[in-house]
Amino acid sequence: MALGGKHLFGSIGEQRVTFIEKKVDENRKDFLKKLLEHNGFEVILEEENKANEEDPQLYTVAVTDMTFNPTVAVFERKLKTLDGRKVSQDYWNQTTDETKPQYWNNGEK
């Protein structure tokens, strides 16, 4: 589940949540958990059911802030990395550790 325009929400157990991403691997779960907690969000994790034992464990990542929309937060540059830089779309998607250029690419590196 990459960044999309929809604000996806629901429940995990009795807790109302905004879903960040569903069916992510452990590496992605850990990345999102650290990033979101660093930005002051309470993160809720849920293990997905596995079809069989050989399948890797997947997770749902959510936050308790019902007004949080990850797409808006990334494109409005409201989230900070652990070292204080503004999170870009590529950083969010873990395609690079670089946070520039912003989501628009004006040809500059």
PDB file of N, CA and C in Angstrom:
ATOM      1  N   MET A   1       0.847  -1.170   0.000  1.00  0.00           N
ATOM      2  CA  MET A   1       0.000   0.000   0.000  1.00  0.00           C
ATOM      3  C   MET A   1       0.893   1.233   0.000  1.00  0.00           C
ATOM      4  N   ALA A   2       1.118   1.821  -1.130  1.00  0.00           N
ATOM      5  CA  ALA A   2       1.922   3.031  -1.226  1.00  0.00           C
ATOM      6  C   ALA A   2       1.059   4.235  -0.881  1.00  0.00           C
ATOM      7  N   LEU A   3       1.662   5.403  -0.959  1.00  0.00           N
ATOM      8  CA  LEU A   3       0.904   6.614  -0.692  1.00  0.00           C
ATOM      9  C   LEU A   3      -0.243   6.732  -1.684  1.00  0.00           C
ATOM     10  N   GLY A   4      -1.393   7.010  -1.173  1.00  0.00           N
ATOM     11  CA  GLY A   4      -2.578   7.197  -2.002  1.00  0.00           C
ATOM     12  C   GLY A   4      -3.356   8.379  -1.452  1.00  0.00           C
ATOM     13  N   GLY A   5      -4.348   8.815  -2.142  1.00  0.00           N
ATOM     14  CA  GLY A   5      -5.085   9.991  -1.700  1.00  0.00           C
ATOM     15  C   GLY A   5      -6.146   9.719  -0.656  1.00  0.00           C
ATOM     16  N   LYS A   6      -6.512   8.457  -0.488  1.00  0.00           N
ATOM     17  CA  LYS A   6      -7.610   8.133   0.416  1.00  0.00           C
ATOM     18  C   LYS A   6      -7.144   8.087   1.870  1.00  0.00           C
ATOM     19  N   HIS A   7      -8.025   8.529   2.742  1.00  0.00           N
ATOM     20  CA  HIS A   7      -7.804   8.441   4.177  1.00  0.00           C
ATOM     21  C   HIS A   7      -8.469   7.151   4.641  1.00  0.00           C
ATOM     22  N   LEU A   8      -7.661   6.121   4.890  1.00  0.00           N
ATOM     23  CA  LEU A   8      -8.191   4.807   5.246  1.00  0.00           C
ATOM     24  C   LEU A   8      -8.213   4.650   6.759  1.00  0.00           C
ATOM     25  N   PHE A   9      -9.364   4.365   7.290  1.00  0.00           N
ATOM     26  CA  PHE A   9      -9.485   4.198   8.728  1.00  0.00           C
ATOM     27  C   PHE A   9     -10.391   3.032   9.050  1.00  0.00           C
ATOM     28  N   GLY A  10     -10.298   2.594  10.287  1.00  0.00           N
ATOM     29  CA  GLY A  10     -11.091   1.467  10.751  1.00  0.00           C
ATOM     30  C   GLY A  10     -10.727   1.155  12.182  1.00  0.00           C
ATOM     31  N   SER A  11     -10.702  -0.118  12.529  1.00  0.00           N
ATOM     32  CA  SER A  11     -10.410  -0.529  13.903  1.00  0.00           C
ATOM     33  C   SER A  11      -9.416  -1.673  13.919  1.00  0.00           C
ATOM     34  N   ILE A  12      -8.596  -1.664  14.942  1.00  0.00           N
ATOM     35  CA  ILE A  12      -7.762  -2.807  15.295  1.00  0.00           C
ATOM     36  C   ILE A  12      -8.150  -3.133  16.726  1.00  0.00           C
ATOM     37  N   GLY A  13      -8.788  -4.257  16.898  1.00  0.00           N
ATOM     38  CA  GLY A  13      -9.355  -4.579  18.213  1.00  0.00           C
ATOM     39  C   GLY A  13     -10.446  -3.573  18.522  1.00  0.00           C
ATOM     40  N   GLU A  14     -10.364  -2.960  19.676  1.00  0.00           N
ATOM     41  CA  GLU A  14     -11.324  -1.939  20.090  1.00  0.00           C
ATOM     42  C   GLU A  14     -10.853  -0.532  19.740  1.00  0.00           C
ATOM     43  N   GLN A  15      -9.650  -0.400  19.218  1.00  0.00           N
ATOM     44  CA  GLN A  15      -9.041   0.911  18.954  1.00  0.00           C
ATOM     45  C   GLN A  15      -9.354   1.397  17.541  1.00  0.00           C
ATOM     46  N   ARG A  16      -9.925   2.592  17.424  1.00  0.00           N
ATOM     47  CA  ARG A  16     -10.125   3.222  16.109  1.00  0.00           C
ATOM     48  C   ARG A  16      -8.775   3.729  15.630  1.00  0.00           C
ATOM     49  N   VAL A  17      -8.463   3.498  14.355  1.00  0.00           N
ATOM     50  CA  VAL A  17      -7.146   3.846  13.825  1.00  0.00           C
ATOM     51  C   VAL A  17      -7.251   4.387  12.395  1.00  0.00           C
ATOM     52  N   THR A  18      -6.192   5.080  12.012  1.00  0.00           N
ATOM     53  CA  THR A  18      -5.949   5.415  10.616  1.00  0.00           C
ATOM     54  C   THR A  18      -4.916   4.420  10.111  1.00  0.00           C
ATOM     55  N   PHE A  19      -5.242   3.700   9.051  1.00  0.00           N
ATOM     56  CA  PHE A  19      -4.303   2.725   8.496  1.00  0.00           C
ATOM     57  C   PHE A  19      -3.222   3.456   7.699  1.00  0.00           C
ATOM     58  N   ILE A  20      -1.990   3.084   7.954  1.00  0.00           N
ATOM     59  CA  ILE A  20      -0.860   3.638   7.221  1.00  0.00           C
ATOM     60  C   ILE A  20      -0.544   2.734   6.040  1.00  0.00           C
ATOM     61  N   GLU A  21      -0.261   1.481   6.311  1.00  0.00           N
ATOM     62  CA  GLU A  21      -0.028   0.487   5.262  1.00  0.00           C
ATOM     63  C   GLU A  21      -0.445  -0.879   5.778  1.00  0.00           C
ATOM     64  N   LYS A  22      -0.896  -1.702   4.858  1.00  0.00           N
ATOM     65  CA  LYS A  22      -1.299  -3.064   5.190  1.00  0.00           C
ATOM     66  C   LYS A  22      -0.417  -4.038   4.428  1.00  0.00           C
ATOM     67  N   LYS A  23      -0.267  -5.233   4.992  1.00  0.00           N
ATOM     68  CA  LYS A  23       0.488  -6.332   4.370  1.00  0.00           C
ATOM     69  C   LYS A  23       1.919  -5.929   4.034  1.00  0.00           C
ATOM     70  N   VAL A  24       2.613  -5.373   5.045  1.00  0.00           N
ATOM     71  CA  VAL A  24       4.017  -4.999   4.873  1.00  0.00           C
ATOM     72  C   VAL A  24       4.900  -6.004   5.591  1.00  0.00           C
ATOM     73  N   ASP A  25       6.140  -6.130   5.126  1.00  0.00           N
ATOM     74  CA  ASP A  25       7.072  -7.057   5.764  1.00  0.00           C
ATOM     75  C   ASP A  25       7.647  -6.435   7.040  1.00  0.00           C
ATOM     76  N   GLU A  26       8.449  -7.196   7.746  1.00  0.00           N
ATOM     77  CA  GLU A  26       8.970  -6.743   9.038  1.00  0.00           C
ATOM     78  C   GLU A  26       9.877  -5.522   8.912  1.00  0.00           C
ATOM     79  N   ASN A  27      10.681  -5.473   7.861  1.00  0.00           N
ATOM     80  CA  ASN A  27      11.566  -4.334   7.650  1.00  0.00           C
ATOM     81  C   ASN A  27      10.766  -3.042   7.468  1.00  0.00           C
ATOM     82  N   ARG A  28       9.732  -3.098   6.640  1.00  0.00           N
ATOM     83  CA  ARG A  28       8.888  -1.929   6.387  1.00  0.00           C
ATOM     84  C   ARG A  28       8.132  -1.536   7.648  1.00  0.00           C
ATOM     85  N   LYS A  29       7.632  -2.517   8.377  1.00  0.00           N
ATOM     86  CA  LYS A  29       6.921  -2.266   9.637  1.00  0.00           C
ATOM     87  C   LYS A  29       7.818  -1.517  10.611  1.00  0.00           C
ATOM     88  N   ASP A  30       9.072  -1.974  10.760  1.00  0.00           N
ATOM     89  CA  ASP A  30      10.005  -1.338  11.688  1.00  0.00           C
ATOM     90  C   ASP A  30      10.333   0.080  11.259  1.00  0.00           C
ATOM     91  N   PHE A  31      10.543   0.292   9.952  1.00  0.00           N
ATOM     92  CA  PHE A  31      10.831   1.624   9.428  1.00  0.00           C
ATOM     93  C   PHE A  31       9.688   2.587   9.733  1.00  0.00           C
ATOM     94  N   LEU A  32       8.463   2.190   9.390  1.00  0.00           N
ATOM     95  CA  LEU A  32       7.309   3.062   9.607  1.00  0.00           C
ATOM     96  C   LEU A  32       7.075   3.321  11.090  1.00  0.00           C
ATOM     97  N   LYS A  33       7.227   2.307  11.916  1.00  0.00           N
ATOM     98  CA  LYS A  33       7.019   2.458  13.361  1.00  0.00           C
ATOM     99  C   LYS A  33       7.987   3.482  13.930  1.00  0.00           C
ATOM    100  N   LYS A  34       9.269   3.357  13.606  1.00  0.00           N
ATOM    101  CA  LYS A  34      10.272   4.313  14.108  1.00  0.00           C
ATOM    102  C   LYS A  34       9.986   5.725  13.621  1.00  0.00           C
ATOM    103  N   LEU A  35       9.695   5.859  12.331  1.00  0.00           N
ATOM    104  CA  LEU A  35       9.457   7.177  11.746  1.00  0.00           C
ATOM    105  C   LEU A  35       8.228   7.840  12.357  1.00  0.00           C
ATOM    106  N   LEU A  36       7.138   7.101  12.456  1.00  0.00           N
ATOM    107  CA  LEU A  36       5.903   7.681  12.981  1.00  0.00           C
ATOM    108  C   LEU A  36       6.002   7.990  14.474  1.00  0.00           C
ATOM    109  N   GLU A  37       6.616   7.112  15.252  1.00  0.00           N
ATOM    110  CA  GLU A  37       6.785   7.391  16.677  1.00  0.00           C
ATOM    111  C   GLU A  37       7.690   8.596  16.887  1.00  0.00           C
ATOM    112  N   HIS A  38       8.719   8.728  16.067  1.00  0.00           N
ATOM    113  CA  HIS A  38       9.605   9.892  16.147  1.00  0.00           C
ATOM    114  C   HIS A  38       8.819  11.190  15.903  1.00  0.00           C
ATOM    115  N   ASN A  39       7.772  11.115  15.087  1.00  0.00           N
ATOM    116  CA  ASN A  39       6.950  12.282  14.782  1.00  0.00           C
ATOM    117  C   ASN A  39       5.760  12.430  15.726  1.00  0.00           C
ATOM    118  N   GLY A  40       5.751  11.670  16.811  1.00  0.00           N
ATOM    119  CA  GLY A  40       4.769  11.857  17.868  1.00  0.00           C
ATOM    120  C   GLY A  40       3.481  11.070  17.746  1.00  0.00           C
ATOM    121  N   PHE A  41       3.437  10.086  16.881  1.00  0.00           N
ATOM    122  CA  PHE A  41       2.227   9.291  16.711  1.00  0.00           C
ATOM    123  C   PHE A  41       2.302   8.006  17.525  1.00  0.00           C
ATOM    124  N   GLU A  42       1.149   7.587  18.042  1.00  0.00           N
ATOM    125  CA  GLU A  42       1.049   6.289  18.704  1.00  0.00           C
ATOM    126  C   GLU A  42       0.756   5.258  17.615  1.00  0.00           C
ATOM    127  N   VAL A  43       1.657   4.294  17.469  1.00  0.00           N
ATOM    128  CA  VAL A  43       1.563   3.306  16.400  1.00  0.00           C
ATOM    129  C   VAL A  43       0.947   2.014  16.931  1.00  0.00           C
ATOM    130  N   ILE A  44       0.010   1.472  16.171  1.00  0.00           N
ATOM    131  CA  ILE A  44      -0.616   0.189  16.480  1.00  0.00           C
ATOM    132  C   ILE A  44      -0.221  -0.783  15.365  1.00  0.00           C
ATOM    133  N   LEU A  45       0.259  -1.959  15.751  1.00  0.00           N
ATOM    134  CA  LEU A  45       0.653  -2.982  14.787  1.00  0.00           C
ATOM    135  C   LEU A  45      -0.246  -4.195  14.937  1.00  0.00           C
ATOM    136  N   GLU A  46      -0.531  -4.826  13.814  1.00  0.00           N
ATOM    137  CA  GLU A  46      -1.324  -6.049  13.841  1.00  0.00           C
ATOM    138  C   GLU A  46      -0.708  -7.040  12.862  1.00  0.00           C
ATOM    139  N   GLU A  47      -0.529  -8.268  13.320  1.00  0.00           N
ATOM    140  CA  GLU A  47      -0.027  -9.318  12.440  1.00  0.00           C
ATOM    141  C   GLU A  47      -1.153  -9.786  11.524  1.00  0.00           C
ATOM    142  N   GLU A  48      -0.827  -9.917  10.242  1.00  0.00           N
ATOM    143  CA  GLU A  48      -1.786 -10.456   9.276  1.00  0.00           C
ATOM    144  C   GLU A  48      -1.828 -11.973   9.417  1.00  0.00           C
ATOM    145  N   ASN A  49      -2.957 -12.564   9.129  1.00  0.00           N
ATOM    146  CA  ASN A  49      -3.069 -14.025   9.133  1.00  0.00           C
ATOM    147  C   ASN A  49      -2.298 -14.591   7.949  1.00  0.00           C
ATOM    148  N   LYS A  50      -1.570 -15.682   8.204  1.00  0.00           N
ATOM    149  CA  LYS A  50      -0.815 -16.334   7.139  1.00  0.00           C
ATOM    150  C   LYS A  50      -1.638 -17.467   6.562  1.00  0.00           C
ATOM    151  N   ALA A  51      -1.578 -17.622   5.233  1.00  0.00           N
ATOM    152  CA  ALA A  51      -2.295 -18.714   4.571  1.00  0.00           C
ATOM    153  C   ALA A  51      -1.679 -20.058   4.938  1.00  0.00           C
ATOM    154  N   ASN A  52      -0.335 -20.083   5.024  1.00  0.00           N
ATOM    155  CA  ASN A  52       0.343 -21.293   5.486  1.00  0.00           C
ATOM    156  C   ASN A  52       1.638 -20.906   6.186  1.00  0.00           C
ATOM    157  N   GLU A  53       2.243 -21.850   6.866  1.00  0.00           N
ATOM    158  CA  GLU A  53       3.415 -21.583   7.709  1.00  0.00           C
ATOM    159  C   GLU A  53       4.637 -21.084   6.934  1.00  0.00           C
ATOM    160  N   GLU A  54       4.739 -21.429   5.643  1.00  0.00           N
ATOM    161  CA  GLU A  54       5.904 -21.028   4.865  1.00  0.00           C
ATOM    162  C   GLU A  54       5.869 -19.562   4.454  1.00  0.00           C
ATOM    163  N   ASP A  55       4.697 -18.959   4.466  1.00  0.00           N
ATOM    164  CA  ASP A  55       4.560 -17.555   4.070  1.00  0.00           C
ATOM    165  C   ASP A  55       5.242 -16.648   5.088  1.00  0.00           C
ATOM    166  N   PRO A  56       5.837 -15.548   4.624  1.00  0.00           N
ATOM    167  CA  PRO A  56       6.435 -14.605   5.570  1.00  0.00           C
ATOM    168  C   PRO A  56       5.344 -13.892   6.378  1.00  0.00           C
ATOM    169  N   GLN A  57       5.702 -13.466   7.588  1.00  0.00           N
ATOM    170  CA  GLN A  57       4.746 -12.741   8.420  1.00  0.00           C
ATOM    171  C   GLN A  57       4.601 -11.328   7.872  1.00  0.00           C
ATOM    172  N   LEU A  58       3.363 -10.907   7.658  1.00  0.00           N
ATOM    173  CA  LEU A  58       3.076  -9.554   7.200  1.00  0.00           C
ATOM    174  C   LEU A  58       2.305  -8.816   8.285  1.00  0.00           C
ATOM    175  N   TYR A  59       2.337  -7.472   8.209  1.00  0.00           N
ATOM    176  CA  TYR A  59       1.777  -6.647   9.266  1.00  0.00           C
ATOM    177  C   TYR A  59       0.916  -5.524   8.705  1.00  0.00           C
ATOM    178  N   THR A  60       0.007  -5.038   9.552  1.00  0.00           N
ATOM    179  CA  THR A  60      -0.725  -3.808   9.306  1.00  0.00           C
ATOM    180  C   THR A  60      -0.164  -2.770  10.261  1.00  0.00           C
ATOM    181  N   VAL A  61       0.134  -1.582   9.728  1.00  0.00           N
ATOM    182  CA  VAL A  61       0.652  -0.470  10.528  1.00  0.00           C
ATOM    183  C   VAL A  61      -0.421   0.611  10.548  1.00  0.00           C
ATOM    184  N   ALA A  62      -0.746   1.097  11.735  1.00  0.00           N
ATOM    185  CA  ALA A  62      -1.780   2.114  11.885  1.00  0.00           C
ATOM    186  C   ALA A  62      -1.377   3.081  12.993  1.00  0.00           C
ATOM    187  N   VAL A  63      -2.035   4.235  13.035  1.00  0.00           N
ATOM    188  CA  VAL A  63      -1.837   5.200  14.116  1.00  0.00           C
ATOM    189  C   VAL A  63      -3.188   5.512  14.746  1.00  0.00           C
ATOM    190  N   THR A  64      -3.151   5.966  15.988  1.00  0.00           N
ATOM    191  CA  THR A  64      -4.392   6.263  16.707  1.00  0.00           C
ATOM    192  C   THR A  64      -4.960   7.631  16.356  1.00  0.00           C
ATOM    193  N   ASP A  65      -4.206   8.480  15.683  1.00  0.00           N
ATOM    194  CA  ASP A  65      -4.673   9.812  15.282  1.00  0.00           C
ATOM    195  C   ASP A  65      -5.586   9.664  14.068  1.00  0.00           C
ATOM    196  N   MET A  66      -6.869   9.833  14.283  1.00  0.00           N
ATOM    197  CA  MET A  66      -7.849   9.638  13.212  1.00  0.00           C
ATOM    198  C   MET A  66      -7.788  10.735  12.151  1.00  0.00           C
ATOM    199  N   THR A  67      -7.127  11.847  12.424  1.00  0.00           N
ATOM    200  CA  THR A  67      -7.035  12.931  11.438  1.00  0.00           C
ATOM    201  C   THR A  67      -5.787  12.827  10.577  1.00  0.00           C
ATOM    202  N   PHE A  68      -4.886  11.902  10.895  1.00  0.00           N
ATOM    203  CA  PHE A  68      -3.624  11.797  10.168  1.00  0.00           C
ATOM    204  C   PHE A  68      -3.829  11.134   8.812  1.00  0.00           C
ATOM    205  N   ASN A  69      -3.319  11.786   7.767  1.00  0.00           N
ATOM    206  CA  ASN A  69      -3.323  11.237   6.423  1.00  0.00           C
ATOM    207  C   ASN A  69      -1.869  11.209   5.961  1.00  0.00           C
ATOM    208  N   PRO A  70      -1.271  10.024   5.779  1.00  0.00           N
ATOM    209  CA  PRO A  70       0.151   9.960   5.432  1.00  0.00           C
ATOM    210  C   PRO A  70       0.485  10.647   4.114  1.00  0.00           C
ATOM    211  N   THR A  71      -0.406  10.605   3.147  1.00  0.00           N
ATOM    212  CA  THR A  71      -0.140  11.265   1.866  1.00  0.00           C
ATOM    213  C   THR A  71      -0.013  12.768   2.051  1.00  0.00           C
ATOM    214  N   VAL A  72      -0.941  13.352   2.766  1.00  0.00           N
ATOM    215  CA  VAL A  72      -0.904  14.792   3.019  1.00  0.00           C
ATOM    216  C   VAL A  72       0.351  15.153   3.817  1.00  0.00           C
ATOM    217  N   ALA A  73       0.657  14.369   4.831  1.00  0.00           N
ATOM    218  CA  ALA A  73       1.822  14.658   5.677  1.00  0.00           C
ATOM    219  C   ALA A  73       3.124  14.624   4.877  1.00  0.00           C
ATOM    220  N   VAL A  74       3.274  13.666   3.971  1.00  0.00           N
ATOM    221  CA  VAL A  74       4.499  13.558   3.179  1.00  0.00           C
ATOM    222  C   VAL A  74       4.583  14.697   2.167  1.00  0.00           C
ATOM    223  N   PHE A  75       3.521  14.943   1.419  1.00  0.00           N
ATOM    224  CA  PHE A  75       3.584  15.962   0.379  1.00  0.00           C
ATOM    225  C   PHE A  75       3.601  17.379   0.934  1.00  0.00           C
ATOM    226  N   GLU A  76       3.079  17.577   2.127  1.00  0.00           N
ATOM    227  CA  GLU A  76       3.183  18.888   2.765  1.00  0.00           C
ATOM    228  C   GLU A  76       4.459  19.007   3.592  1.00  0.00           C
ATOM    229  N   ARG A  77       5.292  17.959   3.558  1.00  0.00           N
ATOM    230  CA  ARG A  77       6.602  17.945   4.214  1.00  0.00           C
ATOM    231  C   ARG A  77       6.479  18.197   5.722  1.00  0.00           C
ATOM    232  N   LYS A  78       5.510  17.559   6.355  1.00  0.00           N
ATOM    233  CA  LYS A  78       5.259  17.733   7.791  1.00  0.00           C
ATOM    234  C   LYS A  78       5.999  16.725   8.655  1.00  0.00           C
ATOM    235  N   LEU A  79       6.464  15.622   8.068  1.00  0.00           N
ATOM    236  CA  LEU A  79       7.159  14.592   8.836  1.00  0.00           C
ATOM    237  C   LEU A  79       8.661  14.840   8.796  1.00  0.00           C
ATOM    238  N   LYS A  80       9.331  14.483   9.882  1.00  0.00           N
ATOM    239  CA  LYS A  80      10.786  14.629   9.986  1.00  0.00           C
ATOM    240  C   LYS A  80      11.432  13.254  10.099  1.00  0.00           C
ATOM    241  N   THR A  81      12.617  13.141   9.486  1.00  0.00           N
ATOM    242  CA  THR A  81      13.406  11.929   9.628  1.00  0.00           C
ATOM    243  C   THR A  81      13.988  11.883  11.033  1.00  0.00           C
ATOM    244  N   LEU A  82      14.610  10.777  11.384  1.00  0.00           N
ATOM    245  CA  LEU A  82      15.203  10.653  12.716  1.00  0.00           C
ATOM    246  C   LEU A  82      16.317  11.662  12.932  1.00  0.00           C
ATOM    247  N   ASP A  83      16.945  12.139  11.848  1.00  0.00           N
ATOM    248  CA  ASP A  83      18.008  13.142  11.988  1.00  0.00           C
ATOM    249  C   ASP A  83      17.528  14.553  11.654  1.00  0.00           C
ATOM    250  N   GLY A  84      16.203  14.766  11.591  1.00  0.00           N
ATOM    251  CA  GLY A  84      15.649  16.111  11.492  1.00  0.00           C
ATOM    252  C   GLY A  84      15.374  16.650  10.105  1.00  0.00           C
ATOM    253  N   ARG A  85      15.611  15.887   9.058  1.00  0.00           N
ATOM    254  CA  ARG A  85      15.304  16.351   7.699  1.00  0.00           C
ATOM    255  C   ARG A  85      13.833  16.102   7.396  1.00  0.00           C
ATOM    256  N   LYS A  86      13.303  16.810   6.417  1.00  0.00           N
ATOM    257  CA  LYS A  86      11.905  16.616   6.026  1.00  0.00           C
ATOM    258  C   LYS A  86      11.783  15.379   5.149  1.00  0.00           C
ATOM    259  N   VAL A  87      10.767  14.582   5.426  1.00  0.00           N
ATOM    260  CA  VAL A  87      10.540  13.330   4.707  1.00  0.00           C
ATOM    261  C   VAL A  87      10.014  13.625   3.307  1.00  0.00           C
ATOM    262  N   SER A  88      10.650  13.028   2.305  1.00  0.00           N
ATOM    263  CA  SER A  88      10.183  13.120   0.921  1.00  0.00           C
ATOM    264  C   SER A  88       9.438  11.837   0.564  1.00  0.00           C
ATOM    265  N   GLN A  89       8.806  11.828  -0.594  1.00  0.00           N
ATOM    266  CA  GLN A  89       8.086  10.639  -1.047  1.00  0.00           C
ATOM    267  C   GLN A  89       9.053   9.468  -1.225  1.00  0.00           C
ATOM    268  N   ASP A  90      10.222   9.709  -1.812  1.00  0.00           N
ATOM    269  CA  ASP A  90      11.189   8.631  -2.014  1.00  0.00           C
ATOM    270  C   ASP A  90      11.714   8.091  -0.684  1.00  0.00           C
ATOM    271  N   TYR A  91      11.906   8.976   0.290  1.00  0.00           N
ATOM    272  CA  TYR A  91      12.338   8.524   1.612  1.00  0.00           C
ATOM    273  C   TYR A  91      11.243   7.662   2.240  1.00  0.00           C
ATOM    274  N   TRP A  92      10.001   8.118   2.176  1.00  0.00           N
ATOM    275  CA  TRP A  92       8.862   7.367   2.715  1.00  0.00           C
ATOM    276  C   TRP A  92       8.784   5.980   2.095  1.00  0.00           C
ATOM    277  N   ASN A  93       8.988   5.914   0.781  1.00  0.00           N
ATOM    278  CA  ASN A  93       8.906   4.644   0.065  1.00  0.00           C
ATOM    279  C   ASN A  93      10.178   3.815   0.189  1.00  0.00           C
ATOM    280  N   GLN A  94      11.145   4.309   0.900  1.00  0.00           N
ATOM    281  CA  GLN A  94      12.419   3.634   1.157  1.00  0.00           C
ATOM    282  C   GLN A  94      13.184   3.322  -0.133  1.00  0.00           C
ATOM    283  N   THR A  95      13.085   4.204  -1.116  1.00  0.00           N
ATOM    284  CA  THR A  95      13.879   4.034  -2.325  1.00  0.00           C
ATOM    285  C   THR A  95      15.213   4.763  -2.222  1.00  0.00           C
ATOM    286  N   THR A  96      15.322   5.682  -1.253  1.00  0.00           N
ATOM    287  CA  THR A  96      16.562   6.407  -1.017  1.00  0.00           C
ATOM    288  C   THR A  96      16.566   6.951   0.406  1.00  0.00           C
ATOM    289  N   ASP A  97      17.765   7.245   0.904  1.00  0.00           N
ATOM    290  CA  ASP A  97      17.886   7.925   2.199  1.00  0.00           C
ATOM    291  C   ASP A  97      17.923   9.432   2.013  1.00  0.00           C
ATOM    292  N   GLU A  98      18.018   9.861   0.760  1.00  0.00           N
ATOM    293  CA  GLU A  98      18.071  11.285   0.435  1.00  0.00           C
ATOM    294  C   GLU A  98      16.667  11.878   0.543  1.00  0.00           C
ATOM    295  N   THR A  99      16.574  13.106   1.028  1.00  0.00           N
ATOM    296  CA  THR A  99      15.273  13.744   1.180  1.00  0.00           C
ATOM    297  C   THR A  99      15.068  14.877   0.177  1.00  0.00           C
ATOM    298  N   LYS A 100      16.024  15.080  -0.713  1.00  0.00           N
ATOM    299  CA  LYS A 100      15.876  16.070  -1.787  1.00  0.00           C
ATOM    300  C   LYS A 100      16.153  15.375  -3.089  1.00  0.00           C
ATOM    301  N   PRO A 101      15.551  15.740  -4.189  1.00  0.00           N
ATOM    302  CA  PRO A 101      14.582  16.834  -4.293  1.00  0.00           C
ATOM    303  C   PRO A 101      13.252  16.433  -3.686  1.00  0.00           C
ATOM    304  N   GLN A 102      12.390  17.403  -3.586  1.00  0.00           N
ATOM    305  CA  GLN A 102      11.071  17.139  -3.056  1.00  0.00           C
ATOM    306  C   GLN A 102      10.305  16.253  -4.033  1.00  0.00           C
ATOM    307  N   TYR A 103       9.020  16.058  -3.811  1.00  0.00           N
ATOM    308  CA  TYR A 103       8.278  15.115  -4.646  1.00  0.00           C
ATOM    309  C   TYR A 103       8.242  15.544  -6.108  1.00  0.00           C
ATOM    310  N   TRP A 104       8.429  16.829  -6.371  1.00  0.00           N
ATOM    311  CA  TRP A 104       8.522  17.263  -7.766  1.00  0.00           C
ATOM    312  C   TRP A 104       9.990  17.191  -8.139  1.00  0.00           C
ATOM    313  N   ASN A 105      10.288  16.729  -9.318  1.00  0.00           N
ATOM    314  CA  ASN A 105      11.665  16.626  -9.765  1.00  0.00           C
ATOM    315  C   ASN A 105      11.884  17.685 -10.841  1.00  0.00           C
ATOM    316  N   ASN A 106      12.632  18.711 -10.470  1.00  0.00           N
ATOM    317  CA  ASN A 106      12.856  19.795 -11.406  1.00  0.00           C
ATOM    318  C   ASN A 106      14.177  19.622 -12.158  1.00  0.00           C
ATOM    319  N   GLY A 107      14.703  18.415 -12.154  1.00  0.00           N
ATOM    320  CA  GLY A 107      15.922  18.129 -12.908  1.00  0.00           C
ATOM    321  C   GLY A 107      17.194  18.327 -12.126  1.00  0.00           C
ATOM    322  N   GLU A 108      17.107  18.928 -10.951  1.00  0.00           N
ATOM    323  CA  GLU A 108      18.299  19.146 -10.140  1.00  0.00           C
ATOM    324  C   GLU A 108      18.537  17.929  -9.279  1.00  0.00           C
ATOM    325  N   LYS A 109      19.797  17.648  -9.011  1.00  0.00           N
ATOM    326  CA  LYS A 109      20.147  16.504  -8.174  1.00  0.00           C
ATOM    327  C   LYS A 109      20.551  16.970  -6.805  1.00  0.00           C
TER     328      LYS A 109
END
